[in-house]
Amino acid sequence: MNPLSNPDYDDNNRQSLPERLLFPVKPVNKKRLSETVTDKTILITGASYGIGALLATTLRNNKETLVLVARTAERLEQLKVDFANKPCTTLIFNTDLRDELQINTLLQNLSSLQLSIDIFVNNAGKSINRGLEASLGRFHDTKRCAATNYSGPVQLLLGILSGIKERKGHIINVSALNVLLPPTAGWSAYQSSKTAFDQWLRCMEPELRCIHVYVSTAYLPLVRTGMSMVNEKKHHQPAMSKAKAVNVILRLITHKKRKYKPWWLGLPVFFNALLPGLWYHLQVRNLKKRDSHAVH
């Protein structure tokens, strides 16, 4: 199936042997999950597709209030219909995190409903892979990434933080592995914006912990979602399934660990510390080779 024809890319949660070895994730204890989320209010951004939609679908069998936020109104409506006969209470808000006014409206709606958030899952994301020449005249790409991945989540979190503080809640940031790795050509808008929110939240974390608010970050590798698989170059790369990514988030919710990282992350970090210029020089060589082939 061409993932471009299906914005919620369905991988049937397949995992090859190498992927099972690279991305092992323990199953979630359903009883512990139910005890953790029952009677809680959980806000999930990017809830209409991919990881966010599957996370909401997994949580719907518990007695909690799901606050689903996303840009695609019809998908949110469909999720609400699908969840109608489930134990959860579902509230949907069609909100574009790139729009400051829409976030303010969302915050006003939450306040009018007297909703305080127990668990905030910052899942919405915008990914762009575009080299320098292709980026000329496309400053809007950087603005969209920055708003979706950084300034929008900051505005939303600051707006709901007083309620999270009162309820001694939990913030889960669905981040990307590449924020912990050396910069990579073509990923300037995405990598910088994801790194910006990661740094902002990590700066805030000691203060949040002092007021009994937990912070967890999932540094996920490539995950088979519509956002990722729209790039055909990634179809044959090792990737984590959506189901595993959701399990990572659910385990962070139930165990309140500070972070998830793949077990092998230490290897590239070690080699980058040992040979700090290697990745840079490899990129330069490969880009020159690519440009040479393009000329000929």
C-alpha atoms as a PDB file:
ATOM      1  CA  MET A   1       0.000   0.000   0.000  1.00  0.00           C
ATOM      2  CA  ASN A   2       1.302   3.446  -0.880  1.00  0.00           C
ATOM      3  CA  PRO A   3       1.524   5.401   2.389  1.00  0.00           C
ATOM      4  CA  LEU A   4       0.846   8.607   0.495  1.00  0.00           C
ATOM      5  CA  SER A   5      -2.706   7.360  -0.100  1.00  0.00           C
ATOM      6  CA  ASN A   6      -3.266   6.744   3.592  1.00  0.00           C
ATOM      7  CA  PRO A   7      -2.357   9.575   6.000  1.00  0.00           C
ATOM      8  CA  ASP A   8      -2.611   7.160   8.942  1.00  0.00           C
ATOM      9  CA  TYR A   9      -0.027   4.727   7.568  1.00  0.00           C
ATOM     10  CA  ASP A  10      -0.972   1.183   8.579  1.00  0.00           C
ATOM     11  CA  ASP A  11       2.043  -1.061   9.121  1.00  0.00           C
ATOM     12  CA  ASN A  12       0.036  -3.820  10.854  1.00  0.00           C
ATOM     13  CA  ASN A  13       2.599  -3.359  13.629  1.00  0.00           C
ATOM     14  CA  ARG A  14       5.023  -5.587  11.765  1.00  0.00           C
ATOM     15  CA  GLN A  15       8.577  -5.855  13.085  1.00  0.00           C
ATOM     16  CA  SER A  16      11.378  -7.710  11.340  1.00  0.00           C
ATOM     17  CA  LEU A  17      13.977  -9.589  13.368  1.00  0.00           C
ATOM     18  CA  PRO A  18      16.470  -6.664  13.222  1.00  0.00           C
ATOM     19  CA  GLU A  19      13.683  -4.281  14.293  1.00  0.00           C
ATOM     20  CA  ARG A  20      12.735  -6.534  17.190  1.00  0.00           C
ATOM     21  CA  LEU A  21      16.366  -6.483  18.296  1.00  0.00           C
ATOM     22  CA  LEU A  22      16.801  -2.738  17.815  1.00  0.00           C
ATOM     23  CA  PHE A  23      13.494  -1.704  19.391  1.00  0.00           C
ATOM     24  CA  PRO A  24      12.538  -4.093  22.189  1.00  0.00           C
ATOM     25  CA  VAL A  25       9.650  -2.745  24.269  1.00  0.00           C
ATOM     26  CA  LYS A  26       8.141  -4.538  27.237  1.00  0.00           C
ATOM     27  CA  PRO A  27       4.356  -5.038  27.267  1.00  0.00           C
ATOM     28  CA  VAL A  28       2.180  -2.756  29.341  1.00  0.00           C
ATOM     29  CA  ASN A  29       0.650  -4.039  32.567  1.00  0.00           C
ATOM     30  CA  LYS A  30      -3.041  -3.373  31.849  1.00  0.00           C
ATOM     31  CA  LYS A  31      -4.061  -3.478  35.497  1.00  0.00           C
ATOM     32  CA  ARG A  32      -1.405  -0.971  36.494  1.00  0.00           C
ATOM     33  CA  LEU A  33      -2.323   1.234  33.525  1.00  0.00           C
ATOM     34  CA  SER A  34      -5.990   1.201  34.514  1.00  0.00           C
ATOM     35  CA  GLU A  35      -5.132   2.109  38.105  1.00  0.00           C
ATOM     36  CA  THR A  36      -2.908   4.960  36.889  1.00  0.00           C
ATOM     37  CA  VAL A  37      -5.345   6.589  34.454  1.00  0.00           C
ATOM     38  CA  THR A  38      -8.750   5.918  36.045  1.00  0.00           C
ATOM     39  CA  ASP A  39     -10.550   9.195  36.840  1.00  0.00           C
ATOM     40  CA  LYS A  40      -7.708  11.178  35.264  1.00  0.00           C
ATOM     41  CA  THR A  41      -7.952  13.787  32.516  1.00  0.00           C
ATOM     42  CA  ILE A  42      -5.480  13.123  29.695  1.00  0.00           C
ATOM     43  CA  LEU A  43      -4.762  15.667  26.948  1.00  0.00           C
ATOM     44  CA  ILE A  44      -3.170  14.288  23.771  1.00  0.00           C
ATOM     45  CA  THR A  45      -2.039  16.549  20.929  1.00  0.00           C
ATOM     46  CA  GLY A  46      -1.736  15.220  17.400  1.00  0.00           C
ATOM     47  CA  ALA A  47      -4.557  12.845  18.302  1.00  0.00           C
ATOM     48  CA  SER A  48      -6.145  12.408  14.885  1.00  0.00           C
ATOM     49  CA  TYR A  49      -3.541  10.163  13.258  1.00  0.00           C
ATOM     50  CA  GLY A  50      -0.503   8.007  13.946  1.00  0.00           C
ATOM     51  CA  ILE A  51       0.798   7.578  17.473  1.00  0.00           C
ATOM     52  CA  GLY A  52      -1.731   9.979  18.985  1.00  0.00           C
ATOM     53  CA  ALA A  53      -4.769   8.218  17.535  1.00  0.00           C
ATOM     54  CA  LEU A  54      -3.494   4.775  18.513  1.00  0.00           C
ATOM     55  CA  LEU A  55      -2.652   6.008  22.028  1.00  0.00           C
ATOM     56  CA  ALA A  56      -6.191   7.360  22.452  1.00  0.00           C
ATOM     57  CA  THR A  57      -7.640   4.134  21.053  1.00  0.00           C
ATOM     58  CA  THR A  58      -5.610   2.096  23.534  1.00  0.00           C
ATOM     59  CA  LEU A  59      -6.663   4.273  26.472  1.00  0.00           C
ATOM     60  CA  ARG A  60     -10.371   4.323  25.595  1.00  0.00           C
ATOM     61  CA  ASN A  61     -11.074   1.123  27.543  1.00  0.00           C
ATOM     62  CA  ASN A  62     -10.331   2.863  30.838  1.00  0.00           C
ATOM     63  CA  LYS A  63     -12.514   5.214  32.851  1.00  0.00           C
ATOM     64  CA  GLU A  64     -10.760   8.493  32.160  1.00  0.00           C
ATOM     65  CA  THR A  65     -11.452  11.743  30.318  1.00  0.00           C
ATOM     66  CA  LEU A  66      -9.631  11.945  26.990  1.00  0.00           C
ATOM     67  CA  VAL A  67      -9.060  15.448  25.647  1.00  0.00           C
ATOM     68  CA  LEU A  68      -8.095  14.963  21.999  1.00  0.00           C
ATOM     69  CA  VAL A  69      -6.500  17.891  20.178  1.00  0.00           C
ATOM     70  CA  ALA A  70      -5.658  17.910  16.464  1.00  0.00           C
ATOM     71  CA  ARG A  71      -6.041  19.832  13.214  1.00  0.00           C
ATOM     72  CA  THR A  72      -8.221  17.301  11.376  1.00  0.00           C
ATOM     73  CA  ALA A  73     -11.778  17.824  12.596  1.00  0.00           C
ATOM     74  CA  GLU A  74     -13.370  14.901  10.732  1.00  0.00           C
ATOM     75  CA  ARG A  75     -10.895  12.426  12.204  1.00  0.00           C
ATOM     76  CA  LEU A  76     -11.558  13.730  15.713  1.00  0.00           C
ATOM     77  CA  GLU A  77     -15.291  13.373  15.124  1.00  0.00           C
ATOM     78  CA  GLN A  78     -14.802   9.788  13.963  1.00  0.00           C
ATOM     79  CA  LEU A  79     -12.737   8.942  17.043  1.00  0.00           C
ATOM     80  CA  LYS A  80     -15.446  10.391  19.267  1.00  0.00           C
ATOM     81  CA  VAL A  81     -18.031   8.201  17.534  1.00  0.00           C
ATOM     82  CA  ASP A  82     -15.776   5.139  17.829  1.00  0.00           C
ATOM     83  CA  PHE A  83     -15.292   5.769  21.554  1.00  0.00           C
ATOM     84  CA  ALA A  84     -18.976   6.420  22.278  1.00  0.00           C
ATOM     85  CA  ASN A  85     -19.675   3.075  23.942  1.00  0.00           C
ATOM     86  CA  LYS A  86     -16.369   2.832  25.776  1.00  0.00           C
ATOM     87  CA  PRO A  87     -15.753   3.588  29.463  1.00  0.00           C
ATOM     88  CA  CYS A  88     -13.869   6.810  28.682  1.00  0.00           C
ATOM     89  CA  THR A  89     -15.320  10.291  28.263  1.00  0.00           C
ATOM     90  CA  THR A  90     -14.074  11.872  25.025  1.00  0.00           C
ATOM     91  CA  LEU A  91     -13.749  15.600  24.359  1.00  0.00           C
ATOM     92  CA  ILE A  92     -12.405  16.821  21.013  1.00  0.00           C
ATOM     93  CA  PHE A  93     -10.883  20.168  20.079  1.00  0.00           C
ATOM     94  CA  ASN A  94     -10.015  21.061  16.504  1.00  0.00           C
ATOM     95  CA  THR A  95      -6.890  23.170  17.115  1.00  0.00           C
ATOM     96  CA  ASP A  96      -3.870  24.061  14.995  1.00  0.00           C
ATOM     97  CA  LEU A  97      -0.853  24.417  17.310  1.00  0.00           C
ATOM     98  CA  ARG A  98       0.735  26.727  14.743  1.00  0.00           C
ATOM     99  CA  ASP A  99      -1.947  29.326  15.469  1.00  0.00           C
ATOM    100  CA  GLU A 100      -1.580  31.288  18.713  1.00  0.00           C
ATOM    101  CA  LEU A 101      -5.205  32.438  18.630  1.00  0.00           C
ATOM    102  CA  GLN A 102      -6.501  28.875  18.262  1.00  0.00           C
ATOM    103  CA  ILE A 103      -4.437  27.763  21.247  1.00  0.00           C
ATOM    104  CA  ASN A 104      -5.863  30.636  23.278  1.00  0.00           C
ATOM    105  CA  THR A 105      -9.363  29.511  22.277  1.00  0.00           C
ATOM    106  CA  LEU A 106      -8.562  25.960  23.339  1.00  0.00           C
ATOM    107  CA  LEU A 107      -7.332  27.202  26.718  1.00  0.00           C
ATOM    108  CA  GLN A 108     -10.480  29.270  27.172  1.00  0.00           C
ATOM    109  CA  ASN A 109     -12.655  26.252  26.330  1.00  0.00           C
ATOM    110  CA  LEU A 110     -10.801  24.075  28.817  1.00  0.00           C
ATOM    111  CA  SER A 111     -11.213  26.765  31.465  1.00  0.00           C
ATOM    112  CA  SER A 112     -14.930  27.179  30.774  1.00  0.00           C
ATOM    113  CA  LEU A 113     -15.371  23.421  31.181  1.00  0.00           C
ATOM    114  CA  GLN A 114     -13.355  23.614  34.422  1.00  0.00           C
ATOM    115  CA  LEU A 115     -11.001  20.962  33.096  1.00  0.00           C
ATOM    116  CA  SER A 116      -7.651  20.494  34.800  1.00  0.00           C
ATOM    117  CA  ILE A 117      -5.189  18.187  33.094  1.00  0.00           C
ATOM    118  CA  ASP A 118      -3.582  15.287  34.951  1.00  0.00           C
ATOM    119  CA  ILE A 119      -1.509  13.906  32.075  1.00  0.00           C
ATOM    120  CA  PHE A 120      -0.340  15.966  29.096  1.00  0.00           C
ATOM    121  CA  VAL A 121       1.045  14.046  26.105  1.00  0.00           C
ATOM    122  CA  ASN A 122       2.848  16.405  23.747  1.00  0.00           C
ATOM    123  CA  ASN A 123       2.668  14.264  20.618  1.00  0.00           C
ATOM    124  CA  ALA A 124       1.889  16.585  17.678  1.00  0.00           C
ATOM    125  CA  GLY A 125       4.822  17.066  15.346  1.00  0.00           C
ATOM    126  CA  LYS A 126       5.857  18.488  12.001  1.00  0.00           C
ATOM    127  CA  SER A 127       8.685  16.868  10.028  1.00  0.00           C
ATOM    128  CA  ILE A 128      10.505  18.330   7.032  1.00  0.00           C
ATOM    129  CA  ASN A 129      13.511  16.863   5.228  1.00  0.00           C
ATOM    130  CA  ARG A 130      14.779  19.472   2.787  1.00  0.00           C
ATOM    131  CA  GLY A 131      18.302  20.466   1.798  1.00  0.00           C
ATOM    132  CA  LEU A 132      19.688  23.986   1.625  1.00  0.00           C
ATOM    133  CA  GLU A 133      19.050  24.707  -2.050  1.00  0.00           C
ATOM    134  CA  ALA A 134      15.485  23.417  -1.845  1.00  0.00           C
ATOM    135  CA  SER A 135      14.899  25.554   1.267  1.00  0.00           C
ATOM    136  CA  LEU A 136      15.627  28.880  -0.440  1.00  0.00           C
ATOM    137  CA  GLY A 137      12.441  30.931  -0.520  1.00  0.00           C
ATOM    138  CA  ARG A 138      10.737  28.519   1.907  1.00  0.00           C
ATOM    139  CA  PHE A 139      11.137  30.246   5.275  1.00  0.00           C
ATOM    140  CA  HIS A 140       7.568  29.129   6.014  1.00  0.00           C
ATOM    141  CA  ASP A 141       8.880  25.556   6.431  1.00  0.00           C
ATOM    142  CA  THR A 142      10.984  26.636   9.390  1.00  0.00           C
ATOM    143  CA  LYS A 143       8.123  28.692  10.829  1.00  0.00           C
ATOM    144  CA  ARG A 144       5.713  25.751  10.640  1.00  0.00           C
ATOM    145  CA  CYS A 145       8.163  23.373  12.291  1.00  0.00           C
ATOM    146  CA  ALA A 146       9.030  25.881  14.986  1.00  0.00           C
ATOM    147  CA  ALA A 147       5.375  26.563  15.781  1.00  0.00           C
ATOM    148  CA  THR A 148       4.245  22.927  15.793  1.00  0.00           C
ATOM    149  CA  ASN A 149       7.255  21.445  17.553  1.00  0.00           C
ATOM    150  CA  TYR A 150       8.246  24.266  19.887  1.00  0.00           C
ATOM    151  CA  SER A 151       6.319  27.497  20.418  1.00  0.00           C
ATOM    152  CA  GLY A 152       2.833  25.943  20.170  1.00  0.00           C
ATOM    153  CA  PRO A 153       3.483  23.238  22.797  1.00  0.00           C
ATOM    154  CA  VAL A 154       5.151  25.830  25.051  1.00  0.00           C
ATOM    155  CA  GLN A 155       2.101  28.113  24.838  1.00  0.00           C
ATOM    156  CA  LEU A 156      -0.300  25.238  25.495  1.00  0.00           C
ATOM    157  CA  LEU A 157       1.689  23.794  28.389  1.00  0.00           C
ATOM    158  CA  LEU A 158       2.069  27.164  30.100  1.00  0.00           C
ATOM    159  CA  GLY A 159      -1.687  27.602  29.779  1.00  0.00           C
ATOM    160  CA  ILE A 160      -2.569  24.298  31.465  1.00  0.00           C
ATOM    161  CA  LEU A 161       0.342  24.114  33.893  1.00  0.00           C
ATOM    162  CA  SER A 162      -1.484  25.531  36.916  1.00  0.00           C
ATOM    163  CA  GLY A 163      -3.984  22.663  36.724  1.00  0.00           C
ATOM    164  CA  ILE A 164      -1.224  20.094  36.245  1.00  0.00           C
ATOM    165  CA  LYS A 165       0.529  21.557  39.287  1.00  0.00           C
ATOM    166  CA  GLU A 166      -2.600  21.361  41.457  1.00  0.00           C
ATOM    167  CA  ARG A 167      -3.179  17.740  40.497  1.00  0.00           C
ATOM    168  CA  LYS A 168       0.509  16.768  40.787  1.00  0.00           C
ATOM    169  CA  GLY A 169       0.309  15.652  37.197  1.00  0.00           C
ATOM    170  CA  HIS A 170       2.570  14.223  34.515  1.00  0.00           C
ATOM    171  CA  ILE A 171       4.007  15.696  31.306  1.00  0.00           C
ATOM    172  CA  ILE A 172       5.083  13.291  28.558  1.00  0.00           C
ATOM    173  CA  ASN A 173       7.014  14.695  25.617  1.00  0.00           C
ATOM    174  CA  VAL A 174       7.096  12.534  22.478  1.00  0.00           C
ATOM    175  CA  SER A 175      10.459  13.618  21.143  1.00  0.00           C
ATOM    176  CA  ALA A 176      12.857  12.303  18.512  1.00  0.00           C
ATOM    177  CA  LEU A 177      16.091  10.400  18.865  1.00  0.00           C
ATOM    178  CA  ASN A 178      17.917  12.790  16.576  1.00  0.00           C
ATOM    179  CA  VAL A 179      17.813  15.608  19.157  1.00  0.00           C
ATOM    180  CA  LEU A 180      20.440  13.599  21.065  1.00  0.00           C
ATOM    181  CA  LEU A 181      22.565  12.974  17.970  1.00  0.00           C
ATOM    182  CA  PRO A 182      24.855  15.225  15.890  1.00  0.00           C
ATOM    183  CA  PRO A 183      23.152  17.607  13.419  1.00  0.00           C
ATOM    184  CA  THR A 184      22.287  16.098  10.045  1.00  0.00           C
ATOM    185  CA  ALA A 185      22.082  17.896   6.711  1.00  0.00           C
ATOM    186  CA  GLY A 186      18.541  18.327   5.408  1.00  0.00           C
ATOM    187  CA  TRP A 187      16.915  18.222   8.828  1.00  0.00           C
ATOM    188  CA  SER A 188      17.630  21.769  10.030  1.00  0.00           C
ATOM    189  CA  ALA A 189      14.004  22.877  10.564  1.00  0.00           C
ATOM    190  CA  TYR A 190      12.855  19.651  12.205  1.00  0.00           C
ATOM    191  CA  GLN A 191      15.902  18.876  14.322  1.00  0.00           C
ATOM    192  CA  SER A 192      16.287  22.433  15.625  1.00  0.00           C
ATOM    193  CA  SER A 193      12.611  22.797  16.584  1.00  0.00           C
ATOM    194  CA  LYS A 194      12.412  19.408  18.329  1.00  0.00           C
ATOM    195  CA  THR A 195      15.652  20.184  20.140  1.00  0.00           C
ATOM    196  CA  ALA A 196      14.325  23.585  21.199  1.00  0.00           C
ATOM    197  CA  PHE A 197      11.301  22.128  23.016  1.00  0.00           C
ATOM    198  CA  ASP A 198      13.423  19.334  24.485  1.00  0.00           C
ATOM    199  CA  GLN A 199      15.831  21.895  25.934  1.00  0.00           C
ATOM    200  CA  TRP A 200      13.015  24.127  27.165  1.00  0.00           C
ATOM    201  CA  LEU A 201      11.348  21.253  28.985  1.00  0.00           C
ATOM    202  CA  ARG A 202      14.627  19.977  30.428  1.00  0.00           C
ATOM    203  CA  CYS A 203      15.360  23.472  31.766  1.00  0.00           C
ATOM    204  CA  MET A 204      11.915  23.492  33.388  1.00  0.00           C
ATOM    205  CA  GLU A 205      12.106  19.939  34.731  1.00  0.00           C
ATOM    206  CA  PRO A 206      13.903  20.594  38.061  1.00  0.00           C
ATOM    207  CA  GLU A 207      11.355  23.292  38.949  1.00  0.00           C
ATOM    208  CA  LEU A 208       8.471  21.053  37.918  1.00  0.00           C
ATOM    209  CA  ARG A 209       9.778  18.172  40.000  1.00  0.00           C
ATOM    210  CA  CYS A 210       9.975  20.472  43.042  1.00  0.00           C
ATOM    211  CA  ILE A 211       6.221  21.067  42.710  1.00  0.00           C
ATOM    212  CA  HIS A 212       5.560  17.330  42.355  1.00  0.00           C
ATOM    213  CA  VAL A 213       5.010  17.329  38.592  1.00  0.00           C
ATOM    214  CA  TYR A 214       6.621  14.421  36.738  1.00  0.00           C
ATOM    215  CA  VAL A 215       8.285  14.898  33.354  1.00  0.00           C
ATOM    216  CA  SER A 216       9.019  12.043  30.941  1.00  0.00           C
ATOM    217  CA  THR A 217      10.519  12.151  27.450  1.00  0.00           C
ATOM    218  CA  ALA A 218      10.270   9.448  24.796  1.00  0.00           C
ATOM    219  CA  TYR A 219      13.256   9.793  22.456  1.00  0.00           C
ATOM    220  CA  LEU A 220      11.745   7.702  19.703  1.00  0.00           C
ATOM    221  CA  PRO A 221      13.585   6.375  16.655  1.00  0.00           C
ATOM    222  CA  LEU A 222      11.953   6.328  13.226  1.00  0.00           C
ATOM    223  CA  VAL A 223       8.322   5.196  13.681  1.00  0.00           C
ATOM    224  CA  ARG A 224       6.052   3.980  10.887  1.00  0.00           C
ATOM    225  CA  THR A 225       3.525   6.789  10.726  1.00  0.00           C
ATOM    226  CA  GLY A 226       2.101   8.837   7.888  1.00  0.00           C
ATOM    227  CA  MET A 227       4.388  11.732   8.861  1.00  0.00           C
ATOM    228  CA  SER A 228       7.511   9.576   8.546  1.00  0.00           C
ATOM    229  CA  MET A 229       6.599   7.209   5.734  1.00  0.00           C
ATOM    230  CA  VAL A 230       5.631   9.988   3.332  1.00  0.00           C
ATOM    231  CA  ASN A 231       9.393  10.024   2.652  1.00  0.00           C
ATOM    232  CA  GLU A 232       9.899   6.980   0.405  1.00  0.00           C
ATOM    233  CA  LYS A 233      13.593   6.767   1.346  1.00  0.00           C
ATOM    234  CA  LYS A 234      12.513   5.603   4.798  1.00  0.00           C
ATOM    235  CA  HIS A 235      10.361   2.665   3.694  1.00  0.00           C
ATOM    236  CA  HIS A 236      13.241   0.210   3.878  1.00  0.00           C
ATOM    237  CA  GLN A 237      14.917   1.643   6.966  1.00  0.00           C
ATOM    238  CA  PRO A 238      14.533  -0.113  10.333  1.00  0.00           C
ATOM    239  CA  ALA A 239      11.605   1.499  12.140  1.00  0.00           C
ATOM    240  CA  MET A 240       9.560   1.073  15.280  1.00  0.00           C
ATOM    241  CA  SER A 241       5.898   0.165  14.892  1.00  0.00           C
ATOM    242  CA  LYS A 242       3.193   2.540  16.135  1.00  0.00           C
ATOM    243  CA  ALA A 243       2.086  -0.065  18.670  1.00  0.00           C
ATOM    244  CA  LYS A 244       5.562  -0.180  20.202  1.00  0.00           C
ATOM    245  CA  ALA A 245       5.758   3.614  20.291  1.00  0.00           C
ATOM    246  CA  VAL A 246       2.421   3.691  22.138  1.00  0.00           C
ATOM    247  CA  ASN A 247       3.700   1.064  24.578  1.00  0.00           C
ATOM    248  CA  VAL A 248       6.711   3.276  25.275  1.00  0.00           C
ATOM    249  CA  ILE A 249       4.385   6.166  26.178  1.00  0.00           C
ATOM    250  CA  LEU A 250       2.070   3.985  28.271  1.00  0.00           C
ATOM    251  CA  ARG A 251       5.031   2.594  30.224  1.00  0.00           C
ATOM    252  CA  LEU A 252       6.241   6.143  30.888  1.00  0.00           C
ATOM    253  CA  ILE A 253       2.760   6.963  32.189  1.00  0.00           C
ATOM    254  CA  THR A 254       2.570   3.929  34.467  1.00  0.00           C
ATOM    255  CA  HIS A 255       6.195   3.882  35.695  1.00  0.00           C
ATOM    256  CA  LYS A 256       6.884   7.667  35.622  1.00  0.00           C
ATOM    257  CA  LYS A 257      10.404   7.143  34.351  1.00  0.00           C
ATOM    258  CA  ARG A 258      12.188  10.264  33.150  1.00  0.00           C
ATOM    259  CA  LYS A 259      13.036   9.042  29.671  1.00  0.00           C
ATOM    260  CA  TYR A 260      12.996   6.301  27.081  1.00  0.00           C
ATOM    261  CA  LYS A 261      15.945   5.855  24.720  1.00  0.00           C
ATOM    262  CA  PRO A 262      16.831   2.855  22.523  1.00  0.00           C
ATOM    263  CA  TRP A 263      19.410   0.649  24.199  1.00  0.00           C
ATOM    264  CA  TRP A 264      21.992   1.231  21.461  1.00  0.00           C
ATOM    265  CA  LEU A 265      21.997   5.043  21.608  1.00  0.00           C
ATOM    266  CA  GLY A 266      25.234   5.027  23.596  1.00  0.00           C
ATOM    267  CA  LEU A 267      27.162   3.681  20.596  1.00  0.00           C
ATOM    268  CA  PRO A 268      26.758   6.678  18.234  1.00  0.00           C
ATOM    269  CA  VAL A 269      27.093   9.068  21.187  1.00  0.00           C
ATOM    270  CA  PHE A 270      30.365   7.361  22.198  1.00  0.00           C
ATOM    271  CA  PHE A 271      31.822   7.420  18.687  1.00  0.00           C
ATOM    272  CA  ASN A 272      30.823  11.061  18.236  1.00  0.00           C
ATOM    273  CA  ALA A 273      32.639  11.938  21.480  1.00  0.00           C
ATOM    274  CA  LEU A 274      35.654   9.877  20.410  1.00  0.00           C
ATOM    275  CA  LEU A 275      35.723  11.241  16.848  1.00  0.00           C
ATOM    276  CA  PRO A 276      33.727  14.484  17.004  1.00  0.00           C
ATOM    277  CA  GLY A 277      34.342  15.490  13.400  1.00  0.00           C
ATOM    278  CA  LEU A 278      33.656  12.126  11.777  1.00  0.00           C
ATOM    279  CA  TRP A 279      29.915  12.552  11.113  1.00  0.00           C
ATOM    280  CA  TYR A 280      30.478  16.038   9.693  1.00  0.00           C
ATOM    281  CA  HIS A 281      33.197  14.884   7.282  1.00  0.00           C
ATOM    282  CA  LEU A 282      31.153  11.837   6.207  1.00  0.00           C
ATOM    283  CA  GLN A 283      28.234  14.107   5.357  1.00  0.00           C
ATOM    284  CA  VAL A 284      30.424  16.502   3.372  1.00  0.00           C
ATOM    285  CA  ARG A 285      31.945  13.614   1.406  1.00  0.00           C
ATOM    286  CA  ASN A 286      28.554  12.052   0.630  1.00  0.00           C
ATOM    287  CA  LEU A 287      27.038  15.387  -0.404  1.00  0.00           C
ATOM    288  CA  LYS A 288      29.959  16.113  -2.727  1.00  0.00           C
ATOM    289  CA  LYS A 289      29.633  12.630  -4.244  1.00  0.00           C
ATOM    290  CA  ARG A 290      25.885  13.135  -4.738  1.00  0.00           C
ATOM    291  CA  ASP A 291      26.415  16.525  -6.398  1.00  0.00           C
ATOM    292  CA  SER A 292      29.128  15.068  -8.635  1.00  0.00           C
ATOM    293  CA  HIS A 293      26.782  12.307  -9.823  1.00  0.00           C
ATOM    294  CA  ALA A 294      24.027  14.867 -10.421  1.00  0.00           C
ATOM    295  CA  VAL A 295      26.309  16.928 -12.689  1.00  0.00           C
ATOM    296  CA  HIS A 296      27.275  13.876 -14.736  1.00  0.00           C
END
